């Protein structure tokens, strides 16, 4: 299915429906509701938040053969590295390679801009997500703790972009 998918770097806010991006995020992260503690910040994402992030960060979307947005990934510039976040794919097309294509596009984009590593965080409870990112060349490089917790709540992962 990925052959009919188009990955696009969005340059102008008028080229994307922020309402659709929120819809995809909420649907893609919904399965985590009874799994992760603390709850995912994606549950409270809004159009205005994504518009603010768009002014600061880089957005790639996946579109199907009809031009419908079916996935997204965001990249934050963090100096010599880049930070990947809000990878989400419409659950109706999950498992079709869209997430992989988005991650690879984001990593290539960051590498082409001289970034050394792509970094991300993933909740410790989400074993499938951890395995997915490991399959994309990421490794656990540290741990993190959300405010108010006294235990590890997420893994810090990184991928060397110089070896792509």
C-alpha atoms as a PDB file:
ATOM      1  CA  UNK A   1       0.000   0.000   0.000  1.00  0.00           C
ATOM      2  CA  UNK A   2       2.857   2.418   0.607  1.00  0.00           C
ATOM      3  CA  UNK A   3       3.381   2.695  -3.174  1.00  0.00           C
ATOM      4  CA  UNK A   4       0.134   4.703  -3.421  1.00  0.00           C
ATOM      5  CA  UNK A   5       1.027   6.853  -0.423  1.00  0.00           C
ATOM      6  CA  UNK A   6       2.517  10.306  -0.879  1.00  0.00           C
ATOM      7  CA  UNK A   7       4.646  11.800   1.898  1.00  0.00           C
ATOM      8  CA  UNK A   8       4.647  15.594   1.743  1.00  0.00           C
ATOM      9  CA  UNK A   9       6.499  18.280   3.675  1.00  0.00           C
ATOM     10  CA  UNK A  10       3.895  20.939   4.438  1.00  0.00           C
ATOM     11  CA  UNK A  11       5.291  24.447   3.951  1.00  0.00           C
ATOM     12  CA  UNK A  12       2.177  26.599   4.287  1.00  0.00           C
ATOM     13  CA  UNK A  13      -0.599  26.301   6.877  1.00  0.00           C
ATOM     14  CA  UNK A  14      -3.268  26.601   4.167  1.00  0.00           C
ATOM     15  CA  UNK A  15      -1.977  23.329   2.660  1.00  0.00           C
ATOM     16  CA  UNK A  16      -3.287  21.207   5.536  1.00  0.00           C
ATOM     17  CA  UNK A  17      -6.431  20.720   7.601  1.00  0.00           C
ATOM     18  CA  UNK A  18      -5.442  21.103  11.232  1.00  0.00           C
ATOM     19  CA  UNK A  19      -8.844  19.686  12.168  1.00  0.00           C
ATOM     20  CA  UNK A  20      -7.951  16.475  10.302  1.00  0.00           C
ATOM     21  CA  UNK A  21      -4.556  16.323  12.023  1.00  0.00           C
ATOM     22  CA  UNK A  22      -6.250  16.557  15.441  1.00  0.00           C
ATOM     23  CA  UNK A  23      -8.724  13.847  14.405  1.00  0.00           C
ATOM     24  CA  UNK A  24      -5.892  11.493  13.403  1.00  0.00           C
ATOM     25  CA  UNK A  25      -3.937  12.183  16.587  1.00  0.00           C
ATOM     26  CA  UNK A  26      -6.911  11.517  18.850  1.00  0.00           C
ATOM     27  CA  UNK A  27      -7.814   8.310  17.008  1.00  0.00           C
ATOM     28  CA  UNK A  28      -4.242   7.019  16.825  1.00  0.00           C
ATOM     29  CA  UNK A  29      -3.497   7.638  20.506  1.00  0.00           C
ATOM     30  CA  UNK A  30      -6.889   6.448  21.845  1.00  0.00           C
ATOM     31  CA  UNK A  31      -5.665   2.887  22.452  1.00  0.00           C
ATOM     32  CA  UNK A  32      -3.273   4.232  25.110  1.00  0.00           C
ATOM     33  CA  UNK A  33      -6.067   5.458  27.398  1.00  0.00           C
ATOM     34  CA  UNK A  34      -5.978   2.504  29.782  1.00  0.00           C
ATOM     35  CA  UNK A  35      -2.296   1.684  29.261  1.00  0.00           C
ATOM     36  CA  UNK A  36      -0.072   4.698  29.907  1.00  0.00           C
ATOM     37  CA  UNK A  37       0.301   6.570  33.167  1.00  0.00           C
ATOM     38  CA  UNK A  38       0.301   9.553  33.145  1.00  0.00           C
ATOM     39  CA  UNK A  39      -2.211   9.966  30.311  1.00  0.00           C
ATOM     40  CA  UNK A  40      -0.848  11.023  26.936  1.00  0.00           C
ATOM     41  CA  UNK A  41      -0.732  14.746  26.216  1.00  0.00           C
ATOM     42  CA  UNK A  42      -2.126  13.864  22.771  1.00  0.00           C
ATOM     43  CA  UNK A  43      -5.545  13.511  24.435  1.00  0.00           C
ATOM     44  CA  UNK A  44      -5.709  17.287  24.836  1.00  0.00           C
ATOM     45  CA  UNK A  45      -4.258  18.340  21.473  1.00  0.00           C
ATOM     46  CA  UNK A  46      -6.123  21.165  19.748  1.00  0.00           C
ATOM     47  CA  UNK A  47      -6.146  22.936  16.416  1.00  0.00           C
ATOM     48  CA  UNK A  48      -4.582  26.026  17.997  1.00  0.00           C
ATOM     49  CA  UNK A  49      -1.764  23.945  19.536  1.00  0.00           C
ATOM     50  CA  UNK A  50      -0.939  22.356  16.178  1.00  0.00           C
ATOM     51  CA  UNK A  51      -1.043  25.738  14.465  1.00  0.00           C
ATOM     52  CA  UNK A  52       1.408  27.062  17.079  1.00  0.00           C
ATOM     53  CA  UNK A  53       3.644  24.011  16.546  1.00  0.00           C
ATOM     54  CA  UNK A  54       3.451  24.481  12.775  1.00  0.00           C
ATOM     55  CA  UNK A  55       4.919  27.974  13.129  1.00  0.00           C
ATOM     56  CA  UNK A  56       7.858  26.478  15.071  1.00  0.00           C
ATOM     57  CA  UNK A  57       8.397  22.939  13.772  1.00  0.00           C
ATOM     58  CA  UNK A  58       8.342  20.852  10.595  1.00  0.00           C
ATOM     59  CA  UNK A  59       5.342  18.789   9.518  1.00  0.00           C
ATOM     60  CA  UNK A  60       5.164  15.864   7.109  1.00  0.00           C
ATOM     61  CA  UNK A  61       1.861  14.261   6.183  1.00  0.00           C
ATOM     62  CA  UNK A  62       0.951  11.062   4.400  1.00  0.00           C
ATOM     63  CA  UNK A  63      -1.826  11.216   1.814  1.00  0.00           C
ATOM     64  CA  UNK A  64      -3.622   8.326   0.197  1.00  0.00           C
ATOM     65  CA  UNK A  65      -4.254   8.015  -3.539  1.00  0.00           C
ATOM     66  CA  UNK A  66      -7.254  10.343  -3.206  1.00  0.00           C
ATOM     67  CA  UNK A  67      -5.245  13.062  -1.477  1.00  0.00           C
ATOM     68  CA  UNK A  68      -6.739  12.427   1.964  1.00  0.00           C
ATOM     69  CA  UNK A  69      -4.423  12.949   4.938  1.00  0.00           C
ATOM     70  CA  UNK A  70      -3.931   9.614   6.674  1.00  0.00           C
ATOM     71  CA  UNK A  71      -0.835  10.250   8.801  1.00  0.00           C
ATOM     72  CA  UNK A  72       1.520  12.846  10.212  1.00  0.00           C
ATOM     73  CA  UNK A  73       4.876  13.322  11.844  1.00  0.00           C
ATOM     74  CA  UNK A  74       6.377  16.411  13.438  1.00  0.00           C
ATOM     75  CA  UNK A  75      10.051  17.369  13.762  1.00  0.00           C
ATOM     76  CA  UNK A  76      11.497  19.864  16.210  1.00  0.00           C
ATOM     77  CA  UNK A  77      14.952  21.350  15.655  1.00  0.00           C
ATOM     78  CA  UNK A  78      16.961  20.848  18.851  1.00  0.00           C
ATOM     79  CA  UNK A  79      20.401  22.123  17.868  1.00  0.00           C
ATOM     80  CA  UNK A  80      22.679  19.422  16.468  1.00  0.00           C
ATOM     81  CA  UNK A  81      19.813  16.912  16.663  1.00  0.00           C
ATOM     82  CA  UNK A  82      16.145  16.746  15.730  1.00  0.00           C
ATOM     83  CA  UNK A  83      13.243  15.528  17.855  1.00  0.00           C
ATOM     84  CA  UNK A  84      10.440  13.455  16.354  1.00  0.00           C
ATOM     85  CA  UNK A  85       6.959  13.624  17.871  1.00  0.00           C
ATOM     86  CA  UNK A  86       3.258  13.071  17.274  1.00  0.00           C
ATOM     87  CA  UNK A  87       3.762  10.264  14.749  1.00  0.00           C
ATOM     88  CA  UNK A  88       0.212   9.159  14.083  1.00  0.00           C
ATOM     89  CA  UNK A  89      -1.549   7.184  11.404  1.00  0.00           C
ATOM     90  CA  UNK A  90      -5.286   6.854  10.882  1.00  0.00           C
ATOM     91  CA  UNK A  91      -6.171   3.538  12.586  1.00  0.00           C
ATOM     92  CA  UNK A  92      -8.170   2.544   9.483  1.00  0.00           C
ATOM     93  CA  UNK A  93      -4.894   2.135   7.565  1.00  0.00           C
ATOM     94  CA  UNK A  94      -2.563   1.106  10.392  1.00  0.00           C
ATOM     95  CA  UNK A  95      -0.067  -1.584   9.435  1.00  0.00           C
ATOM     96  CA  UNK A  96       0.295  -0.488   5.818  1.00  0.00           C
ATOM     97  CA  UNK A  97       3.812   0.939   6.171  1.00  0.00           C
ATOM     98  CA  UNK A  98       2.707   4.556   6.497  1.00  0.00           C
ATOM     99  CA  UNK A  99       4.408   5.092   9.864  1.00  0.00           C
ATOM    100  CA  UNK A 100       7.647   3.663   8.490  1.00  0.00           C
ATOM    101  CA  UNK A 101       7.475   5.946   5.460  1.00  0.00           C
ATOM    102  CA  UNK A 102       6.847   8.992   7.664  1.00  0.00           C
ATOM    103  CA  UNK A 103       9.753   8.141   9.990  1.00  0.00           C
ATOM    104  CA  UNK A 104      12.113   7.628   7.052  1.00  0.00           C
ATOM    105  CA  UNK A 105      11.044  10.918   5.452  1.00  0.00           C
ATOM    106  CA  UNK A 106      11.566  12.756   8.749  1.00  0.00           C
ATOM    107  CA  UNK A 107      15.000  11.202   9.287  1.00  0.00           C
ATOM    108  CA  UNK A 108      16.106  11.997   5.727  1.00  0.00           C
ATOM    109  CA  UNK A 109      14.885  15.583   6.126  1.00  0.00           C
ATOM    110  CA  UNK A 110      16.840  16.015   9.373  1.00  0.00           C
ATOM    111  CA  UNK A 111      19.958  14.356   7.982  1.00  0.00           C
ATOM    112  CA  UNK A 112      19.864  16.585   4.896  1.00  0.00           C
ATOM    113  CA  UNK A 113      19.903  19.564   7.250  1.00  0.00           C
ATOM    114  CA  UNK A 114      23.021  18.310   8.999  1.00  0.00           C
ATOM    115  CA  UNK A 115      21.392  16.876  12.107  1.00  0.00           C
ATOM    116  CA  UNK A 116      23.388  14.142  13.845  1.00  0.00           C
ATOM    117  CA  UNK A 117      20.604  12.228  15.590  1.00  0.00           C
ATOM    118  CA  UNK A 118      16.847  11.884  15.514  1.00  0.00           C
ATOM    119  CA  UNK A 119      15.531  11.695  19.056  1.00  0.00           C
ATOM    120  CA  UNK A 120      12.138  10.754  20.481  1.00  0.00           C
ATOM    121  CA  UNK A 121      10.416   9.602  23.650  1.00  0.00           C
ATOM    122  CA  UNK A 122       8.185   6.559  23.984  1.00  0.00           C
ATOM    123  CA  UNK A 123       6.178   5.399  26.981  1.00  0.00           C
ATOM    124  CA  UNK A 124       7.626   2.360  28.735  1.00  0.00           C
ATOM    125  CA  UNK A 125       4.244   0.579  28.620  1.00  0.00           C
ATOM    126  CA  UNK A 126       4.058   0.711  24.808  1.00  0.00           C
ATOM    127  CA  UNK A 127       6.143  -2.331  23.903  1.00  0.00           C
ATOM    128  CA  UNK A 128       4.887  -2.430  20.298  1.00  0.00           C
ATOM    129  CA  UNK A 129       5.867   1.209  19.793  1.00  0.00           C
ATOM    130  CA  UNK A 130       9.313   0.548  21.267  1.00  0.00           C
ATOM    131  CA  UNK A 131       9.741  -2.432  18.923  1.00  0.00           C
ATOM    132  CA  UNK A 132       8.577  -0.320  15.958  1.00  0.00           C
ATOM    133  CA  UNK A 133      11.176   2.362  16.623  1.00  0.00           C
ATOM    134  CA  UNK A 134      13.901  -0.216  17.202  1.00  0.00           C
ATOM    135  CA  UNK A 135      13.015  -1.681  13.793  1.00  0.00           C
ATOM    136  CA  UNK A 136      13.599   1.801  12.330  1.00  0.00           C
ATOM    137  CA  UNK A 137      17.122   2.003  13.771  1.00  0.00           C
ATOM    138  CA  UNK A 138      16.401   3.714  17.086  1.00  0.00           C
ATOM    139  CA  UNK A 139      17.967   2.565  20.352  1.00  0.00           C
ATOM    140  CA  UNK A 140      17.077   3.312  23.954  1.00  0.00           C
ATOM    141  CA  UNK A 141      19.618   5.857  25.179  1.00  0.00           C
ATOM    142  CA  UNK A 142      18.081   6.958  28.470  1.00  0.00           C
ATOM    143  CA  UNK A 143      15.025   7.140  30.630  1.00  0.00           C
ATOM    144  CA  UNK A 144      12.690   9.902  31.672  1.00  0.00           C
ATOM    145  CA  UNK A 145      10.283  10.648  34.466  1.00  0.00           C
ATOM    146  CA  UNK A 146       7.161  12.790  34.173  1.00  0.00           C
ATOM    147  CA  UNK A 147       6.646  15.455  36.843  1.00  0.00           C
ATOM    148  CA  UNK A 148       5.037  14.011  39.932  1.00  0.00           C
ATOM    149  CA  UNK A 149       6.241  10.430  39.336  1.00  0.00           C
ATOM    150  CA  UNK A 150       9.011   8.563  41.118  1.00  0.00           C
ATOM    151  CA  UNK A 151       9.542   5.905  38.461  1.00  0.00           C
ATOM    152  CA  UNK A 152      10.628   5.793  34.842  1.00  0.00           C
ATOM    153  CA  UNK A 153       7.635   6.694  32.664  1.00  0.00           C
ATOM    154  CA  UNK A 154       9.273   6.912  29.236  1.00  0.00           C
ATOM    155  CA  UNK A 155      12.339   5.837  27.304  1.00  0.00           C
ATOM    156  CA  UNK A 156      14.510   8.270  25.413  1.00  0.00           C
ATOM    157  CA  UNK A 157      15.433   6.823  22.023  1.00  0.00           C
ATOM    158  CA  UNK A 158      17.816   8.012  19.321  1.00  0.00           C
ATOM    159  CA  UNK A 159      18.917   7.106  15.815  1.00  0.00           C
ATOM    160  CA  UNK A 160      22.240   8.062  14.288  1.00  0.00           C
ATOM    161  CA  UNK A 161      21.429   9.995  11.115  1.00  0.00           C
ATOM    162  CA  UNK A 162      24.954   9.867   9.779  1.00  0.00           C
ATOM    163  CA  UNK A 163      24.541   6.151   8.984  1.00  0.00           C
ATOM    164  CA  UNK A 164      21.456   6.447   6.774  1.00  0.00           C
END
